[in-house]
Amino acid sequence: MKILGIGIGKAQKWWEKGLLPNMKEVTGAQDLVDSLLHAGDKLVVVDFFSPGCGGCKALHPKICQLAEMNPHVQFLQVNYEEHKSMCYALNVHVLPFFRFYRGAHGRLCSFSCTNATIKKFKDALAKHSTDRCSLGPTKGLEEKELLALSANKDLSFVYDPLPKEEPPVFVSEREGEEILTAVTPPLSHEAMLLPLPLPIPFPSTTR
């Protein structure tokens, strides 16, 4: 008797279903930071979820649908169960949870929503997905978040803050006069006794 082998493919997990090219699961803290910095002026939605979260599972098809309707928006998924230390450092304690980032503005908004309150997500998407150009470099995570990630021993993330530029010093006119007086040496007694030059007489026009 011949036994037929039946190949069973790997079953997709619910958060892997319906993913689009503009949806990506984050692999760690460095990946999250780099993804935000490389997004430029593109709106980025960070979706914090957990495999055991019923609200996250129910909301996932709607998020995929909105991602399909907004191909210019980048969606980043963060699995809470796999990245608990990172989520803790980012102060994420409720699921499902979303954060919106864009260009030099950095974080635009943060909120939790479910299927019942999906309008909150749609409104934020409509408000922040309009085309615009940022003045300045892409910000990504806030400095306190980057410091929290680097301070967490469970994460292999290093953050070296750039030295802050000293703000320009503006001198008032009065202060300028005082500085000029301080650096200008006083005239000697002999120089003060020198006669002033006589005025040059102009030729008379009368005859």
C-alpha atoms as a PDB file:
ATOM      1  CA  MET A   1       0.000   0.000   0.000  1.00  0.00           C
ATOM      2  CA  LYS A   2       1.371   3.382  -0.999  1.00  0.00           C
ATOM      3  CA  ILE A   3       1.093   6.170   1.524  1.00  0.00           C
ATOM      4  CA  LEU A   4       0.624   9.591   0.014  1.00  0.00           C
ATOM      5  CA  GLY A   5       2.582  12.360   1.734  1.00  0.00           C
ATOM      6  CA  ILE A   6       0.565  15.477   2.352  1.00  0.00           C
ATOM      7  CA  GLY A   7       2.605  18.648   2.703  1.00  0.00           C
ATOM      8  CA  ILE A   8       1.229  21.093   5.222  1.00  0.00           C
ATOM      9  CA  GLY A   9       2.457  24.636   4.786  1.00  0.00           C
ATOM     10  CA  LYS A  10       3.284  26.883   7.698  1.00  0.00           C
ATOM     11  CA  ALA A  11       0.083  28.503   8.927  1.00  0.00           C
ATOM     12  CA  GLN A  12       0.141  32.283   8.874  1.00  0.00           C
ATOM     13  CA  LYS A  13      -0.322  34.039  12.183  1.00  0.00           C
ATOM     14  CA  TRP A  14      -3.176  36.547  12.282  1.00  0.00           C
ATOM     15  CA  TRP A  15      -0.853  39.595  12.323  1.00  0.00           C
ATOM     16  CA  GLU A  16       0.938  38.268   9.225  1.00  0.00           C
ATOM     17  CA  LYS A  17      -2.235  38.024   7.150  1.00  0.00           C
ATOM     18  CA  GLY A  18      -3.078  40.702   4.613  1.00  0.00           C
ATOM     19  CA  LEU A  19       0.237  42.531   4.952  1.00  0.00           C
ATOM     20  CA  LEU A  20       1.011  45.020   2.189  1.00  0.00           C
ATOM     21  CA  PRO A  21       4.306  46.415   0.824  1.00  0.00           C
ATOM     22  CA  ASN A  22       3.959  49.481   3.091  1.00  0.00           C
ATOM     23  CA  MET A  23       3.574  47.292   6.206  1.00  0.00           C
ATOM     24  CA  LYS A  24       6.577  45.906   8.068  1.00  0.00           C
ATOM     25  CA  GLU A  25       7.153  44.129  11.375  1.00  0.00           C
ATOM     26  CA  VAL A  26       9.929  45.723  13.434  1.00  0.00           C
ATOM     27  CA  THR A  27      12.751  43.390  14.501  1.00  0.00           C
ATOM     28  CA  GLY A  28      14.147  45.471  17.367  1.00  0.00           C
ATOM     29  CA  ALA A  29      14.983  48.898  18.776  1.00  0.00           C
ATOM     30  CA  GLN A  30      17.638  49.678  16.154  1.00  0.00           C
ATOM     31  CA  ASP A  31      15.270  48.663  13.354  1.00  0.00           C
ATOM     32  CA  LEU A  32      12.536  50.961  14.741  1.00  0.00           C
ATOM     33  CA  VAL A  33      14.912  53.924  15.058  1.00  0.00           C
ATOM     34  CA  ASP A  34      16.378  53.387  11.579  1.00  0.00           C
ATOM     35  CA  SER A  35      12.955  52.905   9.954  1.00  0.00           C
ATOM     36  CA  LEU A  36      11.720  56.210  11.380  1.00  0.00           C
ATOM     37  CA  LEU A  37      14.869  58.122  10.398  1.00  0.00           C
ATOM     38  CA  HIS A  38      14.882  56.725   6.839  1.00  0.00           C
ATOM     39  CA  ALA A  39      11.211  57.560   6.254  1.00  0.00           C
ATOM     40  CA  GLY A  40      11.985  61.204   5.461  1.00  0.00           C
ATOM     41  CA  ASP A  41       8.772  63.219   5.059  1.00  0.00           C
ATOM     42  CA  LYS A  42       6.619  60.094   4.816  1.00  0.00           C
ATOM     43  CA  LEU A  43       3.996  59.600   7.534  1.00  0.00           C
ATOM     44  CA  VAL A  44       4.840  56.584   9.712  1.00  0.00           C
ATOM     45  CA  VAL A  45       2.277  54.761  11.857  1.00  0.00           C
ATOM     46  CA  VAL A  46       3.733  52.520  14.569  1.00  0.00           C
ATOM     47  CA  ASP A  47       1.259  49.787  15.536  1.00  0.00           C
ATOM     48  CA  PHE A  48       1.921  48.154  18.937  1.00  0.00           C
ATOM     49  CA  PHE A  49       0.094  44.818  19.216  1.00  0.00           C
ATOM     50  CA  SER A  50       0.186  41.505  21.064  1.00  0.00           C
ATOM     51  CA  PRO A  51      -0.643  38.052  19.612  1.00  0.00           C
ATOM     52  CA  GLY A  52      -2.921  37.365  22.581  1.00  0.00           C
ATOM     53  CA  CYS A  53      -4.770  40.696  22.366  1.00  0.00           C
ATOM     54  CA  GLY A  54      -8.322  40.154  21.090  1.00  0.00           C
ATOM     55  CA  GLY A  55      -8.759  43.867  20.315  1.00  0.00           C
ATOM     56  CA  CYS A  56      -5.550  43.853  18.250  1.00  0.00           C
ATOM     57  CA  LYS A  57      -6.670  40.807  16.289  1.00  0.00           C
ATOM     58  CA  ALA A  58     -10.115  42.254  15.563  1.00  0.00           C
ATOM     59  CA  LEU A  59      -8.600  45.578  14.445  1.00  0.00           C
ATOM     60  CA  HIS A  60      -5.893  44.098  12.198  1.00  0.00           C
ATOM     61  CA  PRO A  61      -8.048  43.643   9.019  1.00  0.00           C
ATOM     62  CA  LYS A  62      -9.176  47.290   9.265  1.00  0.00           C
ATOM     63  CA  ILE A  63      -5.568  48.475   9.617  1.00  0.00           C
ATOM     64  CA  CYS A  64      -4.594  46.449   6.545  1.00  0.00           C
ATOM     65  CA  GLN A  65      -7.505  47.981   4.640  1.00  0.00           C
ATOM     66  CA  LEU A  66      -6.418  51.517   5.622  1.00  0.00           C
ATOM     67  CA  ALA A  67      -2.822  50.688   4.665  1.00  0.00           C
ATOM     68  CA  GLU A  68      -4.060  49.623   1.225  1.00  0.00           C
ATOM     69  CA  MET A  69      -5.992  52.894   0.860  1.00  0.00           C
ATOM     70  CA  ASN A  70      -2.918  54.912   1.913  1.00  0.00           C
ATOM     71  CA  PRO A  71       0.088  53.382   0.100  1.00  0.00           C
ATOM     72  CA  HIS A  72       2.164  56.523   0.790  1.00  0.00           C
ATOM     73  CA  VAL A  73       1.976  55.859   4.561  1.00  0.00           C
ATOM     74  CA  GLN A  74       4.483  53.474   6.208  1.00  0.00           C
ATOM     75  CA  PHE A  75       3.026  51.093   8.825  1.00  0.00           C
ATOM     76  CA  LEU A  76       5.430  49.566  11.371  1.00  0.00           C
ATOM     77  CA  GLN A  77       4.238  46.692  13.561  1.00  0.00           C
ATOM     78  CA  VAL A  78       5.768  46.131  17.000  1.00  0.00           C
ATOM     79  CA  ASN A  79       5.039  42.769  18.647  1.00  0.00           C
ATOM     80  CA  TYR A  80       4.695  43.534  22.365  1.00  0.00           C
ATOM     81  CA  GLU A  81       5.392  39.928  23.417  1.00  0.00           C
ATOM     82  CA  GLU A  82       8.692  39.849  21.515  1.00  0.00           C
ATOM     83  CA  HIS A  83       9.776  43.392  22.441  1.00  0.00           C
ATOM     84  CA  LYS A  84       8.488  43.964  25.977  1.00  0.00           C
ATOM     85  CA  SER A  85      11.639  45.788  27.091  1.00  0.00           C
ATOM     86  CA  MET A  86      11.465  48.148  24.122  1.00  0.00           C
ATOM     87  CA  CYS A  87       7.749  48.851  24.667  1.00  0.00           C
ATOM     88  CA  TYR A  88       8.399  49.485  28.355  1.00  0.00           C
ATOM     89  CA  ALA A  89      11.172  51.959  27.491  1.00  0.00           C
ATOM     90  CA  LEU A  90       8.795  53.701  25.070  1.00  0.00           C
ATOM     91  CA  ASN A  91       6.114  53.932  27.789  1.00  0.00           C
ATOM     92  CA  VAL A  92       3.607  51.709  25.961  1.00  0.00           C
ATOM     93  CA  HIS A  93       1.353  49.990  28.509  1.00  0.00           C
ATOM     94  CA  VAL A  94      -2.001  49.569  26.730  1.00  0.00           C
ATOM     95  CA  LEU A  95      -2.893  47.695  23.529  1.00  0.00           C
ATOM     96  CA  PRO A  96      -3.693  48.162  20.715  1.00  0.00           C
ATOM     97  CA  PHE A  97      -1.658  51.366  20.675  1.00  0.00           C
ATOM     98  CA  PHE A  98      -0.578  53.670  17.847  1.00  0.00           C
ATOM     99  CA  ARG A  99       1.974  56.433  17.385  1.00  0.00           C
ATOM    100  CA  PHE A 100       2.236  58.698  14.348  1.00  0.00           C
ATOM    101  CA  TYR A 101       5.582  60.183  13.263  1.00  0.00           C
ATOM    102  CA  ARG A 102       6.604  62.489  10.451  1.00  0.00           C
ATOM    103  CA  GLY A 103       9.821  64.175   9.310  1.00  0.00           C
ATOM    104  CA  ALA A 104      11.260  66.985  11.412  1.00  0.00           C
ATOM    105  CA  HIS A 105       8.092  67.082  13.558  1.00  0.00           C
ATOM    106  CA  GLY A 106       8.828  63.689  15.089  1.00  0.00           C
ATOM    107  CA  ARG A 107       5.914  62.283  17.053  1.00  0.00           C
ATOM    108  CA  LEU A 108       2.579  63.787  15.993  1.00  0.00           C
ATOM    109  CA  CYS A 109       0.130  61.897  18.206  1.00  0.00           C
ATOM    110  CA  SER A 110      -0.338  58.779  20.361  1.00  0.00           C
ATOM    111  CA  PHE A 111      -3.530  56.954  21.217  1.00  0.00           C
ATOM    112  CA  SER A 112      -5.186  53.604  21.791  1.00  0.00           C
ATOM    113  CA  CYS A 113      -8.219  52.555  19.777  1.00  0.00           C
ATOM    114  CA  THR A 114     -10.330  49.498  19.018  1.00  0.00           C
ATOM    115  CA  ASN A 115     -12.828  48.542  16.335  1.00  0.00           C
ATOM    116  CA  ALA A 116     -15.438  50.587  18.194  1.00  0.00           C
ATOM    117  CA  THR A 117     -13.253  53.702  18.146  1.00  0.00           C
ATOM    118  CA  ILE A 118     -11.621  53.237  14.723  1.00  0.00           C
ATOM    119  CA  LYS A 119     -12.812  56.739  13.771  1.00  0.00           C
ATOM    120  CA  LYS A 120     -10.053  58.113  16.004  1.00  0.00           C
ATOM    121  CA  PHE A 121      -7.488  56.318  13.825  1.00  0.00           C
ATOM    122  CA  LYS A 122      -9.131  57.400  10.562  1.00  0.00           C
ATOM    123  CA  ASP A 123      -9.280  61.036  11.689  1.00  0.00           C
ATOM    124  CA  ALA A 124      -5.595  61.038  12.652  1.00  0.00           C
ATOM    125  CA  LEU A 125      -4.683  59.416   9.331  1.00  0.00           C
ATOM    126  CA  ALA A 126      -6.661  62.022   7.365  1.00  0.00           C
ATOM    127  CA  LYS A 127      -5.176  64.883   9.370  1.00  0.00           C
ATOM    128  CA  HIS A 128      -1.519  63.881   9.118  1.00  0.00           C
ATOM    129  CA  SER A 129      -1.284  62.088   5.734  1.00  0.00           C
ATOM    130  CA  THR A 130      -1.448  65.209   3.552  1.00  0.00           C
ATOM    131  CA  ASP A 131       1.677  65.909   1.495  1.00  0.00           C
ATOM    132  CA  ARG A 132       4.048  68.345   3.153  1.00  0.00           C
ATOM    133  CA  CYS A 133       7.759  69.063   3.412  1.00  0.00           C
ATOM    134  CA  SER A 134       9.606  69.209   6.716  1.00  0.00           C
ATOM    135  CA  LEU A 135      12.069  71.971   7.423  1.00  0.00           C
ATOM    136  CA  GLY A 136      15.026  70.217   8.988  1.00  0.00           C
ATOM    137  CA  PRO A 137      16.258  66.636   9.415  1.00  0.00           C
ATOM    138  CA  THR A 138      13.964  63.729  10.241  1.00  0.00           C
ATOM    139  CA  LYS A 139      13.505  63.525  14.019  1.00  0.00           C
ATOM    140  CA  GLY A 140      12.117  60.040  14.701  1.00  0.00           C
ATOM    141  CA  LEU A 141      11.955  59.075  18.375  1.00  0.00           C
ATOM    142  CA  GLU A 142      12.299  61.733  21.053  1.00  0.00           C
ATOM    143  CA  GLU A 143      15.666  62.062  22.803  1.00  0.00           C
ATOM    144  CA  LYS A 144      14.274  60.864  26.152  1.00  0.00           C
ATOM    145  CA  GLU A 145      12.972  57.727  24.381  1.00  0.00           C
ATOM    146  CA  LEU A 146      16.351  57.087  22.749  1.00  0.00           C
ATOM    147  CA  LEU A 147      18.056  57.509  26.130  1.00  0.00           C
ATOM    148  CA  ALA A 148      15.556  55.103  27.715  1.00  0.00           C
ATOM    149  CA  LEU A 149      16.231  52.499  24.996  1.00  0.00           C
ATOM    150  CA  SER A 150      20.008  52.790  25.407  1.00  0.00           C
ATOM    151  CA  ALA A 151      19.706  52.570  29.219  1.00  0.00           C
ATOM    152  CA  ASN A 152      17.771  49.284  29.015  1.00  0.00           C
ATOM    153  CA  LYS A 153      20.245  46.428  29.487  1.00  0.00           C
ATOM    154  CA  ASP A 154      17.964  43.987  27.642  1.00  0.00           C
ATOM    155  CA  LEU A 155      18.336  45.960  24.412  1.00  0.00           C
ATOM    156  CA  SER A 156      21.486  46.040  22.297  1.00  0.00           C
ATOM    157  CA  PHE A 157      20.961  49.676  21.393  1.00  0.00           C
ATOM    158  CA  VAL A 158      23.558  52.435  21.711  1.00  0.00           C
ATOM    159  CA  TYR A 159      22.704  56.106  21.534  1.00  0.00           C
ATOM    160  CA  ASP A 160      25.339  58.831  21.423  1.00  0.00           C
ATOM    161  CA  PRO A 161      23.611  62.203  21.713  1.00  0.00           C
ATOM    162  CA  LEU A 162      25.109  64.876  19.500  1.00  0.00           C
ATOM    163  CA  PRO A 163      26.610  67.883  21.321  1.00  0.00           C
ATOM    164  CA  LYS A 164      24.169  70.741  21.338  1.00  0.00           C
ATOM    165  CA  GLU A 165      25.199  73.880  19.506  1.00  0.00           C
ATOM    166  CA  GLU A 166      25.640  76.962  21.655  1.00  0.00           C
ATOM    167  CA  PRO A 167      22.938  79.531  20.875  1.00  0.00           C
ATOM    168  CA  PRO A 168      24.185  82.785  19.331  1.00  0.00           C
ATOM    169  CA  VAL A 169      24.858  85.597  21.819  1.00  0.00           C
ATOM    170  CA  PHE A 170      23.141  88.860  21.018  1.00  0.00           C
ATOM    171  CA  VAL A 171      24.682  92.034  22.470  1.00  0.00           C
ATOM    172  CA  SER A 172      22.545  95.121  23.011  1.00  0.00           C
ATOM    173  CA  GLU A 173      23.731  98.539  21.886  1.00  0.00           C
ATOM    174  CA  ARG A 174      24.360  99.598  25.501  1.00  0.00           C
ATOM    175  CA  GLU A 175      26.366  96.437  26.238  1.00  0.00           C
ATOM    176  CA  GLY A 176      28.287  96.991  23.000  1.00  0.00           C
ATOM    177  CA  GLU A 177      29.324 100.457  24.159  1.00  0.00           C
ATOM    178  CA  GLU A 178      30.473  99.059  27.508  1.00  0.00           C
ATOM    179  CA  ILE A 179      32.520  96.330  25.765  1.00  0.00           C
ATOM    180  CA  LEU A 180      34.058  98.888  23.392  1.00  0.00           C
ATOM    181  CA  THR A 181      35.000 101.125  26.353  1.00  0.00           C
ATOM    182  CA  ALA A 182      36.577  98.182  28.141  1.00  0.00           C
ATOM    183  CA  VAL A 183      38.769  97.125  25.198  1.00  0.00           C
ATOM    184  CA  THR A 184      39.721 100.644  23.985  1.00  0.00           C
ATOM    185  CA  PRO A 185      42.765 101.996  25.906  1.00  0.00           C
ATOM    186  CA  PRO A 186      42.298 105.495  27.342  1.00  0.00           C
ATOM    187  CA  LEU A 187      44.136 108.381  25.682  1.00  0.00           C
ATOM    188  CA  SER A 188      47.401 109.445  27.268  1.00  0.00           C
ATOM    189  CA  HIS A 189      47.797 112.894  28.915  1.00  0.00           C
ATOM    190  CA  GLU A 190      50.102 114.040  26.084  1.00  0.00           C
ATOM    191  CA  ALA A 191      47.623 112.960  23.403  1.00  0.00           C
ATOM    192  CA  MET A 192      44.878 114.905  25.128  1.00  0.00           C
ATOM    193  CA  LEU A 193      47.043 118.115  25.027  1.00  0.00           C
ATOM    194  CA  LEU A 194      47.673 117.963  21.276  1.00  0.00           C
ATOM    195  CA  PRO A 195      46.061 120.892  19.417  1.00  0.00           C
ATOM    196  CA  LEU A 196      43.078 120.098  17.275  1.00  0.00           C
ATOM    197  CA  PRO A 197      43.529 120.601  13.503  1.00  0.00           C
ATOM    198  CA  LEU A 198      42.315 124.015  12.293  1.00  0.00           C
ATOM    199  CA  PRO A 199      39.331 124.064   9.933  1.00  0.00           C
ATOM    200  CA  ILE A 200      40.157 124.548   6.251  1.00  0.00           C
ATOM    201  CA  PRO A 201      38.720 127.893   5.019  1.00  0.00           C
ATOM    202  CA  PHE A 202      36.466 127.718   1.996  1.00  0.00           C
ATOM    203  CA  PRO A 203      37.001 130.372  -0.772  1.00  0.00           C
ATOM    204  CA  SER A 204      34.467 133.161  -0.600  1.00  0.00           C
ATOM    205  CA  THR A 205      31.959 133.313  -3.447  1.00  0.00           C
ATOM    206  CA  THR A 206      31.287 137.016  -2.939  1.00  0.00           C
ATOM    207  CA  ARG A 207      33.254 139.646  -4.822  1.00  0.00           C
END
